[in-house]
Amino acid sequence: MELFEKKLVVHTFGNVSGIDRKEGIVAIKPSGVSYKALKPEDIVLVDLDNKVIDSKLKPSTDFRTHLVLYKSFQDIGGIAHTHSPFATAWAQAKRSIPCFGTTQADHIRGEIPCTKDLTDKQIAGDYETETGIQIVEKVFSSNSEKSGMILVAGHGPFTWGIDPELSVYNTIMLEEIAKISWYTITIDPNAKPISKTLIDKHFLRKHGGKAYYGQELKN
């Protein structure tokens, strides 16, 4: 619902899922149900073998993509997918988002990667599973698992985190970064990424072993 409220999805687009690792059950938005009509009892429970556990509704058509990610990355507990305008525009242009500034460096240590195109054979086969495989291959090749953000060429963004809430947060941040980056290349089509030194500084001060961003809670 937060995705809908923040205008990152419209009508029935997009989905969010969460996994109970102990039980091996994933909860995900039902396919084709509008956010205005969505109720908690509509959420579909599915096991890791793609079997619906407790619902009269079908899971999101992207569920098999989510399954591939859950099986490949054991630390993630939530996944979000949208067709938000700016992130999807970059995905449709089949372009990774260069790290033009510190806003992006606060969340990812470099560019936000974009996958390569699926082949005709992959599209004609198990399309959603192949999409997940394509994401995993790009994540491993770009060493971006911890960033929780990726673009699927010609499709749109996927994000993930330790729980569904963080996956949604990453979606919100990705859309903002994509928007700022679009403005950047509109002003200067030849804009260059910031230095690795500045990227590392901003990323590590927030996520590194000696991070000092935010407040320390004391007893």
Protein backbone atom coordinates (compact mmCIF):
# COMPACT_ATOMS: atom_id res chain seq x y z
CA MET A 1 0.00 0.00 0.00
CA GLU A 2 2.92 2.35 0.63
CA LEU A 3 4.03 1.88 -2.99
CA PHE A 4 0.56 2.93 -4.13
CA GLU A 5 0.38 5.87 -1.73
CA LYS A 6 3.74 7.18 -2.94
CA LYS A 7 2.62 6.82 -6.59
CA LEU A 8 5.29 4.26 -7.41
CA VAL A 9 2.61 1.91 -8.79
CA VAL A 10 -0.74 2.48 -10.48
CA HIS A 11 -3.86 0.32 -10.77
CA THR A 12 -2.60 -3.28 -10.34
CA PHE A 13 1.08 -2.82 -11.26
CA GLY A 14 3.89 -4.07 -9.03
CA ASN A 15 4.16 -6.39 -6.07
CA VAL A 16 5.83 -6.93 -2.72
CA SER A 17 6.65 -10.22 -1.03
CA GLY A 18 8.08 -11.41 2.26
CA ILE A 19 9.46 -14.79 3.29
CA ASP A 20 9.28 -16.85 6.48
CA ARG A 21 12.53 -18.79 6.13
CA LYS A 22 11.74 -21.16 8.99
CA GLU A 23 8.41 -22.22 7.48
CA GLY A 24 9.53 -21.90 3.86
CA ILE A 25 6.50 -19.78 3.00
CA VAL A 26 6.34 -16.59 0.94
CA ALA A 27 3.54 -14.02 1.18
CA ILE A 28 2.93 -11.96 -1.95
CA LYS A 29 0.39 -9.62 -3.53
CA PRO A 30 -2.28 -11.41 -5.61
CA SER A 31 -2.23 -11.04 -9.38
CA GLY A 32 -4.41 -8.36 -10.96
CA VAL A 33 -5.95 -7.00 -7.74
CA SER A 34 -6.01 -3.21 -7.51
CA TYR A 35 -4.45 -1.56 -4.49
CA LYS A 36 -7.70 0.24 -3.69
CA ALA A 37 -9.44 -3.13 -3.33
CA LEU A 38 -6.55 -4.98 -1.66
CA LYS A 39 -7.22 -6.46 1.80
CA PRO A 40 -4.84 -8.30 4.17
CA GLU A 41 -6.71 -11.56 3.64
CA ASP A 42 -6.05 -11.28 -0.12
CA ILE A 43 -2.30 -11.79 0.32
CA VAL A 44 -1.32 -15.14 -1.18
CA LEU A 45 0.83 -17.66 0.71
CA VAL A 46 3.03 -19.83 -1.50
CA ASP A 47 5.74 -22.37 -0.68
CA LEU A 48 9.18 -22.52 -2.26
CA ASP A 49 7.95 -25.14 -4.73
CA ASN A 50 5.45 -22.60 -6.11
CA LYS A 51 2.45 -24.28 -4.48
CA VAL A 52 -0.30 -22.02 -3.14
CA ILE A 53 -0.78 -22.72 0.57
CA ASP A 54 -3.74 -20.63 1.65
CA SER A 55 -5.62 -18.53 -0.88
CA LYS A 56 -8.37 -18.59 -3.45
CA LEU A 57 -6.43 -16.00 -5.44
CA LYS A 58 -3.45 -16.47 -7.73
CA PRO A 59 -0.09 -14.99 -6.68
CA SER A 60 1.54 -12.21 -8.64
CA THR A 61 2.74 -13.30 -12.07
CA ASP A 62 6.23 -12.22 -10.96
CA PHE A 63 6.25 -14.73 -8.11
CA ARG A 64 8.67 -17.12 -9.80
CA THR A 65 11.12 -14.24 -10.18
CA HIS A 66 10.87 -13.62 -6.44
CA LEU A 67 11.44 -17.35 -5.79
CA VAL A 68 14.71 -17.34 -7.71
CA LEU A 69 15.96 -14.39 -5.65
CA TYR A 70 14.95 -15.96 -2.32
CA LYS A 71 16.71 -19.20 -3.23
CA SER A 72 19.83 -17.38 -4.44
CA PHE A 73 20.24 -14.83 -1.64
CA GLN A 74 19.68 -16.35 1.77
CA ASP A 75 19.95 -13.04 3.65
CA ILE A 76 17.01 -11.30 2.00
CA GLY A 77 13.56 -11.36 3.56
CA GLY A 78 11.55 -9.10 1.25
CA ILE A 79 11.34 -8.18 -2.43
CA ALA A 80 9.56 -5.34 -4.21
CA HIS A 81 8.92 -4.74 -7.91
CA THR A 82 7.35 -1.69 -9.52
CA HIS A 83 7.07 0.10 -12.83
CA SER A 84 7.86 3.46 -11.24
CA PRO A 85 8.39 6.08 -13.99
CA PHE A 86 12.01 7.17 -13.63
CA ALA A 87 13.55 3.81 -12.68
CA THR A 88 11.54 2.10 -15.44
CA ALA A 89 12.69 4.70 -17.96
CA TRP A 90 16.32 3.79 -17.22
CA ALA A 91 15.41 0.10 -17.48
CA GLN A 92 13.69 0.65 -20.82
CA ALA A 93 16.75 2.53 -22.06
CA LYS A 94 18.70 -0.56 -20.89
CA ARG A 95 21.12 1.65 -18.98
CA SER A 96 22.70 1.21 -15.60
CA ILE A 97 22.51 4.38 -13.50
CA PRO A 98 25.99 5.87 -13.02
CA CYS A 99 26.82 7.21 -9.58
CA PHE A 100 26.63 10.90 -10.41
CA GLY A 101 26.48 12.05 -6.79
CA THR A 102 26.51 11.33 -3.10
CA THR A 103 22.74 10.74 -2.90
CA GLN A 104 23.30 7.50 -4.77
CA ALA A 105 26.56 6.72 -2.97
CA ASP A 106 24.68 6.79 0.34
CA HIS A 107 22.77 3.71 -0.83
CA ILE A 108 24.95 1.83 -3.31
CA ARG A 109 28.70 1.73 -3.75
CA GLY A 110 28.70 2.62 -7.43
CA GLU A 111 26.26 2.33 -10.31
CA ILE A 112 22.82 0.74 -10.12
CA PRO A 113 23.19 -2.13 -12.61
CA CYS A 114 20.88 -3.06 -15.44
CA THR A 115 20.59 -6.62 -16.72
CA LYS A 116 21.13 -7.66 -20.31
CA ASP A 117 18.20 -8.52 -22.55
CA LEU A 118 16.53 -11.90 -22.33
CA THR A 119 16.87 -14.02 -25.44
CA ASP A 120 13.83 -15.06 -27.49
CA LYS A 121 14.27 -18.58 -26.11
CA GLN A 122 14.24 -17.33 -22.51
CA ILE A 123 11.15 -15.21 -23.15
CA ALA A 124 9.30 -18.12 -24.77
CA GLY A 125 10.21 -20.46 -21.91
CA ASP A 126 9.70 -19.84 -18.20
CA TYR A 127 9.86 -16.08 -18.59
CA GLU A 128 9.53 -15.11 -14.92
CA THR A 129 12.11 -17.65 -13.75
CA GLU A 130 14.50 -16.56 -16.50
CA THR A 131 14.05 -12.96 -15.36
CA GLY A 132 15.12 -14.00 -11.86
CA ILE A 133 18.14 -15.87 -13.22
CA GLN A 134 19.12 -12.79 -15.24
CA ILE A 135 18.94 -10.64 -12.09
CA VAL A 136 21.05 -13.10 -10.09
CA GLU A 137 23.71 -13.31 -12.81
CA LYS A 138 23.97 -9.52 -12.99
CA VAL A 139 24.08 -9.15 -9.21
CA PHE A 140 26.92 -11.64 -8.91
CA SER A 141 28.85 -10.12 -11.81
CA SER A 142 28.50 -6.59 -10.42
CA ASN A 143 28.93 -7.58 -6.75
CA SER A 144 25.76 -5.67 -5.85
CA GLU A 145 23.81 -8.09 -3.64
CA LYS A 146 24.00 -5.81 -0.60
CA SER A 147 22.75 -2.76 -2.49
CA GLY A 148 19.26 -4.21 -2.89
CA MET A 149 18.63 -2.44 -6.21
CA ILE A 150 18.66 -3.53 -9.85
CA LEU A 151 17.03 -2.68 -13.17
CA VAL A 152 15.73 -5.36 -15.53
CA ALA A 153 16.28 -4.35 -19.15
CA GLY A 154 13.05 -3.41 -20.88
CA HIS A 155 11.04 -4.20 -17.76
CA GLY A 156 11.60 -2.24 -14.56
CA PRO A 157 13.20 -2.17 -11.10
CA PHE A 158 13.45 -4.90 -8.49
CA THR A 159 14.61 -4.21 -4.95
CA TRP A 160 15.16 -6.37 -1.87
CA GLY A 161 16.14 -6.17 1.78
CA ILE A 162 16.12 -8.00 5.08
CA ASP A 163 12.33 -7.62 5.23
CA PRO A 164 9.49 -6.33 3.00
CA GLU A 165 9.66 -2.88 4.60
CA LEU A 166 13.30 -2.42 3.62
CA SER A 167 12.61 -3.65 0.10
CA VAL A 168 9.94 -0.94 -0.23
CA TYR A 169 12.31 1.66 1.24
CA ASN A 170 14.90 0.68 -1.39
CA THR A 171 12.27 1.06 -4.11
CA ILE A 172 11.51 4.59 -2.91
CA MET A 173 15.21 5.48 -2.83
CA LEU A 174 15.84 3.93 -6.26
CA GLU A 175 13.07 5.99 -7.84
CA GLU A 176 14.44 9.18 -6.28
CA ILE A 177 17.97 8.39 -7.49
CA ALA A 178 16.69 7.56 -10.98
CA LYS A 179 14.84 10.89 -11.10
CA ILE A 180 17.85 12.93 -9.94
CA SER A 181 20.10 11.10 -12.40
CA TRP A 182 17.70 11.84 -15.26
CA TYR A 183 17.75 15.52 -14.34
CA THR A 184 21.55 15.35 -14.26
CA ILE A 185 21.96 14.04 -17.80
CA THR A 186 19.23 16.42 -19.00
CA ILE A 187 21.29 19.35 -17.74
CA ASP A 188 24.57 17.82 -18.92
CA PRO A 189 24.43 14.80 -21.25
CA ASN A 190 28.18 14.38 -20.72
CA ALA A 191 28.01 14.29 -16.92
CA LYS A 192 30.55 11.94 -15.34
CA PRO A 193 30.28 9.82 -12.17
CA ILE A 194 31.85 11.15 -8.99
CA SER A 195 35.20 9.74 -7.89
CA LYS A 196 35.57 6.32 -6.28
CA THR A 197 37.04 8.09 -3.24
CA LEU A 198 33.88 10.15 -2.74
CA ILE A 199 31.63 7.14 -3.43
CA ASP A 200 33.49 5.07 -0.84
CA LYS A 201 33.40 7.88 1.71
CA HIS A 202 29.65 8.33 1.54
CA PHE A 203 28.84 4.63 1.37
CA LEU A 204 31.17 3.56 4.19
CA ARG A 205 30.24 6.37 6.56
CA LYS A 206 26.71 4.96 6.43
CA HIS A 207 27.27 1.21 5.93
CA GLY A 208 30.91 0.43 6.74
CA GLY A 209 32.39 -1.18 9.84
CA LYS A 210 33.18 2.26 11.24
CA ALA A 211 29.95 3.91 10.08
CA TYR A 212 29.09 7.11 11.92
CA TYR A 213 25.87 8.20 10.19
CA GLY A 214 22.78 8.43 12.41
CA GLN A 215 22.37 8.13 16.17
CA GLU A 216 23.90 5.67 18.59
CA LEU A 217 21.29 4.32 20.96
CA LYS A 218 22.52 4.11 24.54
CA ASN A 219 20.96 2.25 27.44
